[in-house]
Amino acid sequence: MNFTSRFCGMRIRASSPMCGLLCVICAGVSTLSRVVAQTAVQRDQQALIVIAQTIAAGGGQDLLRSIQDLTETGNVTYYWSEPVTATVTIKSRGLQQFRTDTVLSEGQRSTIVNGGGGSQIEVDGTIRTISGQSASDLGCLTFPYPPLIAAMQDSSTNVIYVGLVAHNGTSAYDVRIQKTYSLNQDPQGTRGAREARDFYIDSNALVVVAISDQFHSGTNDQGLAHEIDYSNYQPENGVMMPLQIAESANGAPGSLITIGQVVFNSGLNDADFTW
């Protein structure tokens, strides 16, 4: 049995120690701790203030919303059995379209999201399906602002202030974003909790330093702790952009992206997110 990560960088196999820990690693981040009643929406004022400040520090809502598409180029290192470094091109358009094309020595490896799902195309042509839950998070892999803006605008989304915490050595505000669903959409009452994401926002610089969530390979599994870390923020045409993005699962490194060039609004269209 193979598990494919929520994002493009990681390979998790049933024989790996990481996979073997699926049933026990979530004790500290239990799904139960994230459950919010379906009928009640929690929107903490402190959390909304922190998000608003982060959006302002990132360049402001008007500027960030004016970005219709994003193209980035750089290098990526995958921490497989042996580290592999390659060039990568990343394209995104809103929260529903995302693509990475990695040029490896043996060929191109692509991850494509378009709408509610997507696919990962390996160099040998093998296609692996990306679940809707995983696909929905891909838009913020290198650009963490759109989900924050969406949460501010959607009054049906839970925005929870967890507190001021120390995260990876940084003093950070922990803000949890969790959608609510109707009983028809979520008869078991667990979907929102499984999709919840914690945004760790530097309390001084007011930039997103990490997003943590869980990877689920099935309906009833307990999940695998997953995190994206952002660093080396630099101004790009007025927008504070993270130029280094690291992905990990259960604390083990999965990939490290170093961005060399950022281009906004190059005119990407639907054809750029097909294969």
C-alpha atoms as a PDB file:
ATOM      1  CA  MET A   1       0.000   0.000   0.000  1.00  0.00           C
ATOM      2  CA  ASN A   2       1.332   3.443  -0.949  1.00  0.00           C
ATOM      3  CA  PHE A   3       0.445   6.789   0.528  1.00  0.00           C
ATOM      4  CA  THR A   4       1.007   9.976  -1.475  1.00  0.00           C
ATOM      5  CA  SER A   5       1.591  13.203   0.445  1.00  0.00           C
ATOM      6  CA  ARG A   6      -0.825  16.106   0.353  1.00  0.00           C
ATOM      7  CA  PHE A   7       1.799  17.998  -1.628  1.00  0.00           C
ATOM      8  CA  CYS A   8       4.262  17.285  -4.379  1.00  0.00           C
ATOM      9  CA  GLY A   9       7.397  16.521  -2.411  1.00  0.00           C
ATOM     10  CA  MET A  10       6.871  13.390  -0.386  1.00  0.00           C
ATOM     11  CA  ARG A  11       6.651   9.638  -0.826  1.00  0.00           C
ATOM     12  CA  ILE A  12       5.257   7.635   2.094  1.00  0.00           C
ATOM     13  CA  ARG A  13       5.184   3.865   1.736  1.00  0.00           C
ATOM     14  CA  ALA A  14       3.695   1.216   3.942  1.00  0.00           C
ATOM     15  CA  SER A  15       7.145  -0.150   4.680  1.00  0.00           C
ATOM     16  CA  SER A  16       8.442   3.174   5.982  1.00  0.00           C
ATOM     17  CA  PRO A  17       8.643   4.045   9.693  1.00  0.00           C
ATOM     18  CA  MET A  18       6.541   7.107   8.983  1.00  0.00           C
ATOM     19  CA  CYS A  19       3.664   5.033   7.663  1.00  0.00           C
ATOM     20  CA  GLY A  20       3.980   2.611  10.546  1.00  0.00           C
ATOM     21  CA  LEU A  21       3.329   5.423  12.972  1.00  0.00           C
ATOM     22  CA  LEU A  22       0.030   6.455  11.369  1.00  0.00           C
ATOM     23  CA  CYS A  23      -2.033   5.131  14.247  1.00  0.00           C
ATOM     24  CA  VAL A  24      -0.032   6.675  17.068  1.00  0.00           C
ATOM     25  CA  ILE A  25       1.544   9.993  16.014  1.00  0.00           C
ATOM     26  CA  CYS A  26      -1.600  12.024  16.355  1.00  0.00           C
ATOM     27  CA  ALA A  27      -2.037  11.693  20.110  1.00  0.00           C
ATOM     28  CA  GLY A  28      -0.784  15.232  20.588  1.00  0.00           C
ATOM     29  CA  VAL A  29      -2.877  16.655  17.776  1.00  0.00           C
ATOM     30  CA  SER A  30      -6.004  14.599  18.253  1.00  0.00           C
ATOM     31  CA  THR A  31      -8.813  15.192  15.829  1.00  0.00           C
ATOM     32  CA  LEU A  32     -11.114  15.496  18.827  1.00  0.00           C
ATOM     33  CA  SER A  33      -9.294  18.642  19.923  1.00  0.00           C
ATOM     34  CA  ARG A  34     -10.177  20.240  16.622  1.00  0.00           C
ATOM     35  CA  VAL A  35     -13.869  19.408  16.485  1.00  0.00           C
ATOM     36  CA  VAL A  36     -16.188  22.399  16.360  1.00  0.00           C
ATOM     37  CA  ALA A  37     -19.934  21.894  16.541  1.00  0.00           C
ATOM     38  CA  GLN A  38     -21.531  21.882  13.100  1.00  0.00           C
ATOM     39  CA  THR A  39     -24.223  24.327  14.165  1.00  0.00           C
ATOM     40  CA  ALA A  40     -21.918  26.905  15.773  1.00  0.00           C
ATOM     41  CA  VAL A  41     -19.345  29.060  14.027  1.00  0.00           C
ATOM     42  CA  GLN A  42     -16.506  30.408  16.170  1.00  0.00           C
ATOM     43  CA  ARG A  43     -14.836  33.604  14.967  1.00  0.00           C
ATOM     44  CA  ASP A  44     -12.495  34.921  17.639  1.00  0.00           C
ATOM     45  CA  GLN A  45     -11.863  38.644  17.482  1.00  0.00           C
ATOM     46  CA  GLN A  46      -8.193  38.238  18.412  1.00  0.00           C
ATOM     47  CA  ALA A  47      -7.690  35.754  15.583  1.00  0.00           C
ATOM     48  CA  LEU A  48      -9.367  38.059  13.071  1.00  0.00           C
ATOM     49  CA  ILE A  49      -7.147  40.944  14.196  1.00  0.00           C
ATOM     50  CA  VAL A  50      -4.002  38.848  13.758  1.00  0.00           C
ATOM     51  CA  ILE A  51      -5.089  37.760  10.266  1.00  0.00           C
ATOM     52  CA  ALA A  52      -5.868  41.364   9.293  1.00  0.00           C
ATOM     53  CA  GLN A  53      -2.444  42.470  10.523  1.00  0.00           C
ATOM     54  CA  THR A  54      -0.756  39.654   8.604  1.00  0.00           C
ATOM     55  CA  ILE A  55      -2.548  40.584   5.386  1.00  0.00           C
ATOM     56  CA  ALA A  56      -1.556  44.223   5.890  1.00  0.00           C
ATOM     57  CA  ALA A  57       2.087  43.281   6.528  1.00  0.00           C
ATOM     58  CA  GLY A  58       2.045  41.061   3.441  1.00  0.00           C
ATOM     59  CA  GLY A  59       1.202  43.963   1.171  1.00  0.00           C
ATOM     60  CA  GLY A  60      -2.406  44.787   1.951  1.00  0.00           C
ATOM     61  CA  GLN A  61      -5.665  43.150   0.953  1.00  0.00           C
ATOM     62  CA  ASP A  62      -6.130  45.181  -2.251  1.00  0.00           C
ATOM     63  CA  LEU A  63      -2.688  44.312  -3.588  1.00  0.00           C
ATOM     64  CA  LEU A  64      -2.897  40.654  -2.572  1.00  0.00           C
ATOM     65  CA  ARG A  65      -6.351  40.258  -4.111  1.00  0.00           C
ATOM     66  CA  SER A  66      -5.105  41.831  -7.335  1.00  0.00           C
ATOM     67  CA  ILE A  67      -2.765  38.867  -7.841  1.00  0.00           C
ATOM     68  CA  GLN A  68      -4.668  36.645 -10.245  1.00  0.00           C
ATOM     69  CA  ASP A  69      -1.862  34.167 -10.867  1.00  0.00           C
ATOM     70  CA  LEU A  70       1.648  33.407  -9.682  1.00  0.00           C
ATOM     71  CA  THR A  71       4.638  31.765 -11.386  1.00  0.00           C
ATOM     72  CA  GLU A  72       7.789  30.881  -9.438  1.00  0.00           C
ATOM     73  CA  THR A  73      10.997  29.156 -10.467  1.00  0.00           C
ATOM     74  CA  GLY A  74      13.790  27.776  -8.335  1.00  0.00           C
ATOM     75  CA  ASN A  75      15.207  24.551  -6.948  1.00  0.00           C
ATOM     76  CA  VAL A  76      13.666  21.774  -4.904  1.00  0.00           C
ATOM     77  CA  THR A  77      15.348  19.092  -2.818  1.00  0.00           C
ATOM     78  CA  TYR A  78      13.345  15.945  -2.148  1.00  0.00           C
ATOM     79  CA  TYR A  79      14.404  13.985   0.931  1.00  0.00           C
ATOM     80  CA  TRP A  80      13.751  10.521  -0.419  1.00  0.00           C
ATOM     81  CA  SER A  81      15.982   7.550   0.470  1.00  0.00           C
ATOM     82  CA  GLU A  82      18.739   9.783  -0.891  1.00  0.00           C
ATOM     83  CA  PRO A  83      18.306  13.574  -1.267  1.00  0.00           C
ATOM     84  CA  VAL A  84      17.564  14.613  -4.846  1.00  0.00           C
ATOM     85  CA  THR A  85      17.809  18.240  -6.042  1.00  0.00           C
ATOM     86  CA  ALA A  86      16.153  19.492  -9.217  1.00  0.00           C
ATOM     87  CA  THR A  87      14.798  22.636 -10.841  1.00  0.00           C
ATOM     88  CA  VAL A  88      11.129  23.405 -10.314  1.00  0.00           C
ATOM     89  CA  THR A  89       8.482  25.681 -11.808  1.00  0.00           C
ATOM     90  CA  ILE A  90       5.437  26.444  -9.663  1.00  0.00           C
ATOM     91  CA  LYS A  91       2.226  27.935 -11.024  1.00  0.00           C
ATOM     92  CA  SER A  92      -0.879  28.858  -9.065  1.00  0.00           C
ATOM     93  CA  ARG A  93      -4.151  30.593  -9.829  1.00  0.00           C
ATOM     94  CA  GLY A  94      -6.430  31.238  -6.881  1.00  0.00           C
ATOM     95  CA  LEU A  95      -7.095  28.377  -4.491  1.00  0.00           C
ATOM     96  CA  GLN A  96      -8.372  25.923  -7.085  1.00  0.00           C
ATOM     97  CA  GLN A  97      -5.508  25.692  -9.572  1.00  0.00           C
ATOM     98  CA  PHE A  98      -1.922  24.732  -8.816  1.00  0.00           C
ATOM     99  CA  ARG A  99       0.936  23.057 -10.648  1.00  0.00           C
ATOM    100  CA  THR A 100       4.552  22.080 -10.083  1.00  0.00           C
ATOM    101  CA  ASP A 101       6.847  20.775 -12.817  1.00  0.00           C
ATOM    102  CA  THR A 102      10.099  19.311 -11.546  1.00  0.00           C
ATOM    103  CA  VAL A 103      12.893  18.432 -13.976  1.00  0.00           C
ATOM    104  CA  LEU A 104      14.709  15.368 -12.624  1.00  0.00           C
ATOM    105  CA  SER A 105      17.606  13.595 -14.292  1.00  0.00           C
ATOM    106  CA  GLU A 106      15.256  10.848 -15.487  1.00  0.00           C
ATOM    107  CA  GLY A 107      12.471  13.144 -16.672  1.00  0.00           C
ATOM    108  CA  GLN A 108       9.716  15.522 -15.552  1.00  0.00           C
ATOM    109  CA  ARG A 109       7.546  14.974 -12.487  1.00  0.00           C
ATOM    110  CA  SER A 110       4.366  17.058 -12.240  1.00  0.00           C
ATOM    111  CA  THR A 111       1.670  17.744  -9.688  1.00  0.00           C
ATOM    112  CA  ILE A 112      -1.509  19.315 -11.062  1.00  0.00           C
ATOM    113  CA  VAL A 113      -4.609  20.511  -9.236  1.00  0.00           C
ATOM    114  CA  ASN A 114      -7.609  21.867 -11.093  1.00  0.00           C
ATOM    115  CA  GLY A 115     -10.834  22.313  -9.176  1.00  0.00           C
ATOM    116  CA  GLY A 116     -11.662  19.823  -6.457  1.00  0.00           C
ATOM    117  CA  GLY A 117      -8.995  17.248  -7.226  1.00  0.00           C
ATOM    118  CA  GLY A 118      -5.788  16.576  -9.045  1.00  0.00           C
ATOM    119  CA  SER A 119      -3.075  14.176 -10.104  1.00  0.00           C
ATOM    120  CA  GLN A 120       0.604  13.521  -9.614  1.00  0.00           C
ATOM    121  CA  ILE A 121       2.347  12.375 -12.784  1.00  0.00           C
ATOM    122  CA  GLU A 122       5.578  10.483 -12.199  1.00  0.00           C
ATOM    123  CA  VAL A 123       8.475  10.448 -14.666  1.00  0.00           C
ATOM    124  CA  ASP A 124       7.439   6.988 -15.903  1.00  0.00           C
ATOM    125  CA  GLY A 125       3.934   8.211 -16.694  1.00  0.00           C
ATOM    126  CA  THR A 126       2.302   6.734 -13.610  1.00  0.00           C
ATOM    127  CA  ILE A 127      -0.600   8.902 -12.463  1.00  0.00           C
ATOM    128  CA  ARG A 128      -1.603   9.067  -8.802  1.00  0.00           C
ATOM    129  CA  THR A 129      -4.870  10.690  -7.788  1.00  0.00           C
ATOM    130  CA  ILE A 130      -4.803  13.565  -5.286  1.00  0.00           C
ATOM    131  CA  SER A 131      -7.845  13.646  -3.020  1.00  0.00           C
ATOM    132  CA  GLY A 132     -10.128  16.655  -2.860  1.00  0.00           C
ATOM    133  CA  GLN A 133      -9.036  17.404   0.697  1.00  0.00           C
ATOM    134  CA  SER A 134      -5.375  17.397  -0.283  1.00  0.00           C
ATOM    135  CA  ALA A 135      -5.974  19.379  -3.455  1.00  0.00           C
ATOM    136  CA  SER A 136      -7.841  22.120  -1.611  1.00  0.00           C
ATOM    137  CA  ASP A 137      -4.703  23.038   0.364  1.00  0.00           C
ATOM    138  CA  LEU A 138      -2.214  23.138  -2.481  1.00  0.00           C
ATOM    139  CA  GLY A 139      -2.841  26.750  -3.422  1.00  0.00           C
ATOM    140  CA  CYS A 140      -1.051  27.963  -0.294  1.00  0.00           C
ATOM    141  CA  LEU A 141       2.036  25.822  -0.724  1.00  0.00           C
ATOM    142  CA  THR A 142       4.178  28.852  -1.629  1.00  0.00           C
ATOM    143  CA  PHE A 143       1.642  31.680  -1.202  1.00  0.00           C
ATOM    144  CA  PRO A 144       0.011  31.612   2.259  1.00  0.00           C
ATOM    145  CA  TYR A 145      -2.198  34.704   1.954  1.00  0.00           C
ATOM    146  CA  PRO A 146      -5.252  33.552  -0.086  1.00  0.00           C
ATOM    147  CA  PRO A 147      -6.604  31.132   2.550  1.00  0.00           C
ATOM    148  CA  LEU A 148      -6.297  33.867   5.192  1.00  0.00           C
ATOM    149  CA  ILE A 149      -8.205  36.344   3.021  1.00  0.00           C
ATOM    150  CA  ALA A 150     -10.838  33.692   2.260  1.00  0.00           C
ATOM    151  CA  ALA A 151     -11.293  32.943   5.964  1.00  0.00           C
ATOM    152  CA  MET A 152     -11.736  36.650   6.724  1.00  0.00           C
ATOM    153  CA  GLN A 153     -14.447  36.965   4.082  1.00  0.00           C
ATOM    154  CA  ASP A 154     -16.328  33.730   4.778  1.00  0.00           C
ATOM    155  CA  SER A 155     -18.437  34.133   7.907  1.00  0.00           C
ATOM    156  CA  SER A 156     -19.168  30.388   7.937  1.00  0.00           C
ATOM    157  CA  THR A 157     -15.486  29.530   8.517  1.00  0.00           C
ATOM    158  CA  ASN A 158     -14.270  29.027  12.072  1.00  0.00           C
ATOM    159  CA  VAL A 159     -11.353  31.326  12.917  1.00  0.00           C
ATOM    160  CA  ILE A 160     -10.002  30.335  16.332  1.00  0.00           C
ATOM    161  CA  TYR A 161      -7.319  32.025  18.390  1.00  0.00           C
ATOM    162  CA  VAL A 162      -5.367  29.191  20.015  1.00  0.00           C
ATOM    163  CA  GLY A 163      -2.837  31.490  21.685  1.00  0.00           C
ATOM    164  CA  LEU A 164       0.683  32.870  21.652  1.00  0.00           C
ATOM    165  CA  VAL A 165       3.045  29.910  21.409  1.00  0.00           C
ATOM    166  CA  ALA A 166       6.675  29.058  20.734  1.00  0.00           C
ATOM    167  CA  HIS A 167       6.834  27.313  17.369  1.00  0.00           C
ATOM    168  CA  ASN A 168      10.195  26.123  16.042  1.00  0.00           C
ATOM    169  CA  GLY A 169      11.909  28.712  18.199  1.00  0.00           C
ATOM    170  CA  THR A 170       9.680  31.597  17.076  1.00  0.00           C
ATOM    171  CA  SER A 171       7.114  33.442  19.166  1.00  0.00           C
ATOM    172  CA  ALA A 172       3.983  32.970  17.075  1.00  0.00           C
ATOM    173  CA  TYR A 173       0.244  33.454  17.154  1.00  0.00           C
ATOM    174  CA  ASP A 174      -1.538  30.151  16.550  1.00  0.00           C
ATOM    175  CA  VAL A 175      -4.684  30.767  14.496  1.00  0.00           C
ATOM    176  CA  ARG A 176      -6.795  27.764  13.513  1.00  0.00           C
ATOM    177  CA  ILE A 177      -8.959  27.890  10.399  1.00  0.00           C
ATOM    178  CA  GLN A 178     -11.671  25.275  10.071  1.00  0.00           C
ATOM    179  CA  LYS A 179     -14.620  25.153   7.702  1.00  0.00           C
ATOM    180  CA  THR A 180     -18.096  24.196   8.833  1.00  0.00           C
ATOM    181  CA  TYR A 181     -20.294  21.774   6.930  1.00  0.00           C
ATOM    182  CA  SER A 182     -23.959  20.879   7.005  1.00  0.00           C
ATOM    183  CA  LEU A 183     -25.109  17.505   8.255  1.00  0.00           C
ATOM    184  CA  ASN A 184     -25.646  16.399   4.658  1.00  0.00           C
ATOM    185  CA  GLN A 185     -22.105  17.413   3.738  1.00  0.00           C
ATOM    186  CA  ASP A 186     -20.574  15.886   6.842  1.00  0.00           C
ATOM    187  CA  PRO A 187     -22.854  13.222   8.347  1.00  0.00           C
ATOM    188  CA  GLN A 188     -20.135  11.962  10.708  1.00  0.00           C
ATOM    189  CA  GLY A 189     -19.295  15.465  11.954  1.00  0.00           C
ATOM    190  CA  THR A 190     -15.552  14.977  11.411  1.00  0.00           C
ATOM    191  CA  ARG A 191     -14.807  16.551   8.035  1.00  0.00           C
ATOM    192  CA  GLY A 192     -14.133  20.057   9.337  1.00  0.00           C
ATOM    193  CA  ALA A 193     -11.793  18.751  12.026  1.00  0.00           C
ATOM    194  CA  ARG A 194      -9.857  16.633   9.536  1.00  0.00           C
ATOM    195  CA  GLU A 195      -9.373  19.644   7.276  1.00  0.00           C
ATOM    196  CA  ALA A 196      -8.438  22.116  10.031  1.00  0.00           C
ATOM    197  CA  ARG A 197      -5.183  24.024   9.597  1.00  0.00           C
ATOM    198  CA  ASP A 198      -3.152  25.944  12.166  1.00  0.00           C
ATOM    199  CA  PHE A 199      -1.418  29.073  10.883  1.00  0.00           C
ATOM    200  CA  TYR A 200       1.592  30.085  12.972  1.00  0.00           C
ATOM    201  CA  ILE A 201       2.189  33.806  12.520  1.00  0.00           C
ATOM    202  CA  ASP A 202       5.367  35.500  13.758  1.00  0.00           C
ATOM    203  CA  SER A 203       4.234  37.803  16.572  1.00  0.00           C
ATOM    204  CA  ASN A 204       6.809  40.445  15.600  1.00  0.00           C
ATOM    205  CA  ALA A 205       7.128  40.303  11.816  1.00  0.00           C
ATOM    206  CA  LEU A 206       3.493  39.218  11.290  1.00  0.00           C
ATOM    207  CA  VAL A 207       4.366  36.732   8.552  1.00  0.00           C
ATOM    208  CA  VAL A 208       3.226  33.117   8.339  1.00  0.00           C
ATOM    209  CA  VAL A 209       6.076  30.922   9.537  1.00  0.00           C
ATOM    210  CA  ALA A 210       4.237  27.593   9.360  1.00  0.00           C
ATOM    211  CA  ILE A 211       0.978  25.888   8.485  1.00  0.00           C
ATOM    212  CA  SER A 212       0.263  22.576  10.186  1.00  0.00           C
ATOM    213  CA  ASP A 213      -2.477  20.101   9.389  1.00  0.00           C
ATOM    214  CA  GLN A 214      -2.957  16.373   8.956  1.00  0.00           C
ATOM    215  CA  PHE A 215      -2.662  14.090   5.979  1.00  0.00           C
ATOM    216  CA  HIS A 216      -5.419  11.483   5.791  1.00  0.00           C
ATOM    217  CA  SER A 217      -5.137   8.485   3.483  1.00  0.00           C
ATOM    218  CA  GLY A 218      -8.601   7.097   4.269  1.00  0.00           C
ATOM    219  CA  THR A 219     -11.940   7.917   5.815  1.00  0.00           C
ATOM    220  CA  ASN A 220     -11.233   6.533   9.273  1.00  0.00           C
ATOM    221  CA  ASP A 221      -7.466   6.784   9.734  1.00  0.00           C
ATOM    222  CA  GLN A 222      -6.169   8.981  12.554  1.00  0.00           C
ATOM    223  CA  GLY A 223      -3.976  11.043  10.270  1.00  0.00           C
ATOM    224  CA  LEU A 224      -0.340  11.929   9.803  1.00  0.00           C
ATOM    225  CA  ALA A 225       1.004  15.197  11.214  1.00  0.00           C
ATOM    226  CA  HIS A 226       2.056  17.454   8.349  1.00  0.00           C
ATOM    227  CA  GLU A 227       3.651  20.911   8.221  1.00  0.00           C
ATOM    228  CA  ILE A 228       4.845  23.558   5.780  1.00  0.00           C
ATOM    229  CA  ASP A 229       7.454  26.028   7.065  1.00  0.00           C
ATOM    230  CA  TYR A 230       8.048  29.438   5.471  1.00  0.00           C
ATOM    231  CA  SER A 231      11.210  31.534   5.741  1.00  0.00           C
ATOM    232  CA  ASN A 232      13.429  34.091   3.975  1.00  0.00           C
ATOM    233  CA  TYR A 233      10.616  36.562   3.311  1.00  0.00           C
ATOM    234  CA  GLN A 234      11.559  39.192   0.743  1.00  0.00           C
ATOM    235  CA  PRO A 235       9.566  42.008  -0.894  1.00  0.00           C
ATOM    236  CA  GLU A 236       8.478  41.170  -4.434  1.00  0.00           C
ATOM    237  CA  ASN A 237       6.630  44.059  -6.133  1.00  0.00           C
ATOM    238  CA  GLY A 238       5.267  45.165  -2.781  1.00  0.00           C
ATOM    239  CA  VAL A 239       4.323  41.685  -1.549  1.00  0.00           C
ATOM    240  CA  MET A 240       6.252  39.937   1.220  1.00  0.00           C
ATOM    241  CA  MET A 241       6.971  36.528  -0.271  1.00  0.00           C
ATOM    242  CA  PRO A 242       8.573  33.490   1.394  1.00  0.00           C
ATOM    243  CA  LEU A 243      11.462  32.342  -0.766  1.00  0.00           C
ATOM    244  CA  GLN A 244      12.121  29.145   1.174  1.00  0.00           C
ATOM    245  CA  ILE A 245       9.405  26.576   1.807  1.00  0.00           C
ATOM    246  CA  ALA A 246      10.030  23.319   3.661  1.00  0.00           C
ATOM    247  CA  GLU A 247       7.578  20.431   3.970  1.00  0.00           C
ATOM    248  CA  SER A 248       7.683  17.710   6.610  1.00  0.00           C
ATOM    249  CA  ALA A 249       5.573  14.833   7.878  1.00  0.00           C
ATOM    250  CA  ASN A 250       5.748  13.622  11.457  1.00  0.00           C
ATOM    251  CA  GLY A 251       8.849  15.784  11.852  1.00  0.00           C
ATOM    252  CA  ALA A 252      10.725  14.084   9.014  1.00  0.00           C
ATOM    253  CA  PRO A 253      11.789  16.377   6.133  1.00  0.00           C
ATOM    254  CA  GLY A 254      10.011  15.814   2.834  1.00  0.00           C
ATOM    255  CA  SER A 255      11.086  18.639   0.559  1.00  0.00           C
ATOM    256  CA  LEU A 256      12.750  22.052   0.517  1.00  0.00           C
ATOM    257  CA  ILE A 257      11.914  24.623  -2.163  1.00  0.00           C
ATOM    258  CA  THR A 258      14.151  27.646  -2.741  1.00  0.00           C
ATOM    259  CA  ILE A 259      12.540  30.289  -4.943  1.00  0.00           C
ATOM    260  CA  GLY A 260      14.752  32.286  -7.277  1.00  0.00           C
ATOM    261  CA  GLN A 261      12.189  34.238  -9.293  1.00  0.00           C
ATOM    262  CA  VAL A 262       8.615  35.380  -8.674  1.00  0.00           C
ATOM    263  CA  VAL A 263       6.276  36.646 -11.422  1.00  0.00           C
ATOM    264  CA  PHE A 264       2.759  37.926 -10.744  1.00  0.00           C
ATOM    265  CA  ASN A 265      -0.122  38.085 -13.231  1.00  0.00           C
ATOM    266  CA  SER A 266       1.588  36.574 -16.258  1.00  0.00           C
ATOM    267  CA  GLY A 267      -1.783  35.609 -17.715  1.00  0.00           C
ATOM    268  CA  LEU A 268      -2.068  31.947 -16.741  1.00  0.00           C
ATOM    269  CA  ASN A 269      -5.273  30.257 -17.928  1.00  0.00           C
ATOM    270  CA  ASP A 270      -7.055  26.935 -17.601  1.00  0.00           C
ATOM    271  CA  ALA A 271      -4.794  25.321 -20.200  1.00  0.00           C
ATOM    272  CA  ASP A 272      -1.821  25.799 -17.868  1.00  0.00           C
ATOM    273  CA  PHE A 273      -3.434  23.416 -15.388  1.00  0.00           C
ATOM    274  CA  THR A 274      -4.184  20.486 -17.671  1.00  0.00           C
ATOM    275  CA  TRP A 275      -2.073  17.534 -18.722  1.00  0.00           C
END
